[in-house]
């Protein structure tokens, strides 16, 4: 009985160690995505004065969450390129 109890406890520790790393990674991704969404919101607040807007959705938040400030710069550059392309197309 005691050996079975100890074996179950050891199994739980091993099982917990195996699954705690992916859980930490998912939690870090979620936190970074929330921070990325906040950064996009701040960019939109500043860009509101210039008629500039980046869509705030799950994909853009994850991009900025994973890449950080360079990811935000990437989205800004892509938005400017698309705006120039649409302007030239409509002209």
C-alpha atoms as a PDB file:
ATOM      1  CA  UNK A   1       0.000   0.000   0.000  1.00  0.00           C
ATOM      2  CA  UNK A   2       2.729   2.481   0.943  1.00  0.00           C
ATOM      3  CA  UNK A   3       4.824   1.524  -2.092  1.00  0.00           C
ATOM      4  CA  UNK A   4       1.829   2.141  -4.374  1.00  0.00           C
ATOM      5  CA  UNK A   5       1.199   5.493  -2.721  1.00  0.00           C
ATOM      6  CA  UNK A   6       4.838   6.554  -3.155  1.00  0.00           C
ATOM      7  CA  UNK A   7       4.842   5.333  -6.774  1.00  0.00           C
ATOM      8  CA  UNK A   8       1.744   7.447  -7.481  1.00  0.00           C
ATOM      9  CA  UNK A   9       3.341  10.521  -5.928  1.00  0.00           C
ATOM     10  CA  UNK A  10       6.540  10.003  -7.950  1.00  0.00           C
ATOM     11  CA  UNK A  11       4.438   9.516 -11.092  1.00  0.00           C
ATOM     12  CA  UNK A  12       2.588  12.770 -10.394  1.00  0.00           C
ATOM     13  CA  UNK A  13       5.869  14.655  -9.967  1.00  0.00           C
ATOM     14  CA  UNK A  14       7.250  13.257 -13.240  1.00  0.00           C
ATOM     15  CA  UNK A  15       3.961  13.908 -15.038  1.00  0.00           C
ATOM     16  CA  UNK A  16       3.862  17.454 -13.663  1.00  0.00           C
ATOM     17  CA  UNK A  17       7.436  18.161 -14.786  1.00  0.00           C
ATOM     18  CA  UNK A  18       6.598  17.006 -18.312  1.00  0.00           C
ATOM     19  CA  UNK A  19       3.575  19.284 -18.663  1.00  0.00           C
ATOM     20  CA  UNK A  20       4.663  22.354 -16.693  1.00  0.00           C
ATOM     21  CA  UNK A  21       7.058  23.571 -19.432  1.00  0.00           C
ATOM     22  CA  UNK A  22       4.406  23.789 -22.194  1.00  0.00           C
ATOM     23  CA  UNK A  23       2.048  25.456 -19.719  1.00  0.00           C
ATOM     24  CA  UNK A  24       4.672  28.105 -18.963  1.00  0.00           C
ATOM     25  CA  UNK A  25       5.188  28.687 -22.696  1.00  0.00           C
ATOM     26  CA  UNK A  26       1.467  29.124 -23.314  1.00  0.00           C
ATOM     27  CA  UNK A  27       1.158  31.476 -20.346  1.00  0.00           C
ATOM     28  CA  UNK A  28       4.104  33.543 -21.612  1.00  0.00           C
ATOM     29  CA  UNK A  29       2.509  33.729 -25.080  1.00  0.00           C
ATOM     30  CA  UNK A  30      -0.793  34.897 -23.601  1.00  0.00           C
ATOM     31  CA  UNK A  31       0.863  37.579 -21.461  1.00  0.00           C
ATOM     32  CA  UNK A  32       3.001  38.795 -24.371  1.00  0.00           C
ATOM     33  CA  UNK A  33      -0.059  38.900 -26.632  1.00  0.00           C
ATOM     34  CA  UNK A  34      -1.927  41.019 -24.096  1.00  0.00           C
ATOM     35  CA  UNK A  35       1.045  43.384 -23.882  1.00  0.00           C
ATOM     36  CA  UNK A  36       1.232  43.424 -27.685  1.00  0.00           C
ATOM     37  CA  UNK A  37      -2.442  44.366 -27.859  1.00  0.00           C
ATOM     38  CA  UNK A  38      -1.808  47.189 -25.416  1.00  0.00           C
ATOM     39  CA  UNK A  39       1.074  48.434 -27.582  1.00  0.00           C
ATOM     40  CA  UNK A  40      -1.134  48.390 -30.685  1.00  0.00           C
ATOM     41  CA  UNK A  41      -3.775  50.324 -28.750  1.00  0.00           C
ATOM     42  CA  UNK A  42      -1.182  52.964 -27.805  1.00  0.00           C
ATOM     43  CA  UNK A  43      -0.012  53.151 -31.431  1.00  0.00           C
ATOM     44  CA  UNK A  44      -3.631  53.661 -32.492  1.00  0.00           C
ATOM     45  CA  UNK A  45      -4.106  56.426 -29.911  1.00  0.00           C
ATOM     46  CA  UNK A  46      -1.056  58.266 -31.220  1.00  0.00           C
ATOM     47  CA  UNK A  47      -1.894  57.526 -34.854  1.00  0.00           C
ATOM     48  CA  UNK A  48      -5.454  58.801 -34.419  1.00  0.00           C
ATOM     49  CA  UNK A  49      -4.092  62.346 -34.799  1.00  0.00           C
ATOM     50  CA  UNK A  50      -2.613  61.430 -38.190  1.00  0.00           C
ATOM     51  CA  UNK A  51      -5.381  59.212 -39.555  1.00  0.00           C
ATOM     52  CA  UNK A  52      -3.290  56.086 -38.928  1.00  0.00           C
ATOM     53  CA  UNK A  53      -4.827  52.872 -37.591  1.00  0.00           C
ATOM     54  CA  UNK A  54      -3.635  49.295 -37.153  1.00  0.00           C
ATOM     55  CA  UNK A  55      -6.346  46.703 -36.679  1.00  0.00           C
ATOM     56  CA  UNK A  56      -6.365  45.324 -33.155  1.00  0.00           C
ATOM     57  CA  UNK A  57      -7.119  41.620 -33.438  1.00  0.00           C
ATOM     58  CA  UNK A  58      -5.703  38.337 -32.215  1.00  0.00           C
ATOM     59  CA  UNK A  59      -3.235  37.956 -35.103  1.00  0.00           C
ATOM     60  CA  UNK A  60      -1.690  41.420 -34.777  1.00  0.00           C
ATOM     61  CA  UNK A  61      -1.535  41.086 -30.981  1.00  0.00           C
ATOM     62  CA  UNK A  62       0.282  37.736 -31.291  1.00  0.00           C
ATOM     63  CA  UNK A  63       2.705  39.172 -33.876  1.00  0.00           C
ATOM     64  CA  UNK A  64       3.602  42.072 -31.604  1.00  0.00           C
ATOM     65  CA  UNK A  65       3.591  39.768 -28.573  1.00  0.00           C
ATOM     66  CA  UNK A  66       6.081  37.378 -30.153  1.00  0.00           C
ATOM     67  CA  UNK A  67       8.310  39.904 -31.913  1.00  0.00           C
ATOM     68  CA  UNK A  68       7.981  42.835 -29.514  1.00  0.00           C
ATOM     69  CA  UNK A  69       8.744  46.364 -30.702  1.00  0.00           C
ATOM     70  CA  UNK A  70      10.234  45.128 -34.021  1.00  0.00           C
ATOM     71  CA  UNK A  71       6.913  43.375 -34.650  1.00  0.00           C
ATOM     72  CA  UNK A  72       5.064  46.637 -34.053  1.00  0.00           C
ATOM     73  CA  UNK A  73       7.480  48.413 -36.402  1.00  0.00           C
ATOM     74  CA  UNK A  74       6.840  45.694 -38.996  1.00  0.00           C
ATOM     75  CA  UNK A  75       3.079  46.243 -38.786  1.00  0.00           C
ATOM     76  CA  UNK A  76       3.524  50.015 -39.086  1.00  0.00           C
ATOM     77  CA  UNK A  77       5.770  49.639 -42.140  1.00  0.00           C
ATOM     78  CA  UNK A  78       3.356  47.188 -43.782  1.00  0.00           C
ATOM     79  CA  UNK A  79       0.454  49.549 -43.154  1.00  0.00           C
ATOM     80  CA  UNK A  80       2.360  52.469 -44.694  1.00  0.00           C
ATOM     81  CA  UNK A  81       3.344  50.370 -47.734  1.00  0.00           C
ATOM     82  CA  UNK A  82      -0.266  49.266 -48.257  1.00  0.00           C
ATOM     83  CA  UNK A  83      -1.469  52.856 -47.901  1.00  0.00           C
ATOM     84  CA  UNK A  84       1.031  54.052 -50.531  1.00  0.00           C
ATOM     85  CA  UNK A  85       0.086  51.191 -52.837  1.00  0.00           C
ATOM     86  CA  UNK A  86      -3.636  51.969 -52.536  1.00  0.00           C
ATOM     87  CA  UNK A  87      -2.987  55.683 -53.073  1.00  0.00           C
ATOM     88  CA  UNK A  88      -1.024  54.997 -56.269  1.00  0.00           C
ATOM     89  CA  UNK A  89      -3.681  52.556 -57.462  1.00  0.00           C
ATOM     90  CA  UNK A  90      -6.536  55.058 -57.000  1.00  0.00           C
ATOM     91  CA  UNK A  91      -4.662  57.918 -58.599  1.00  0.00           C
END
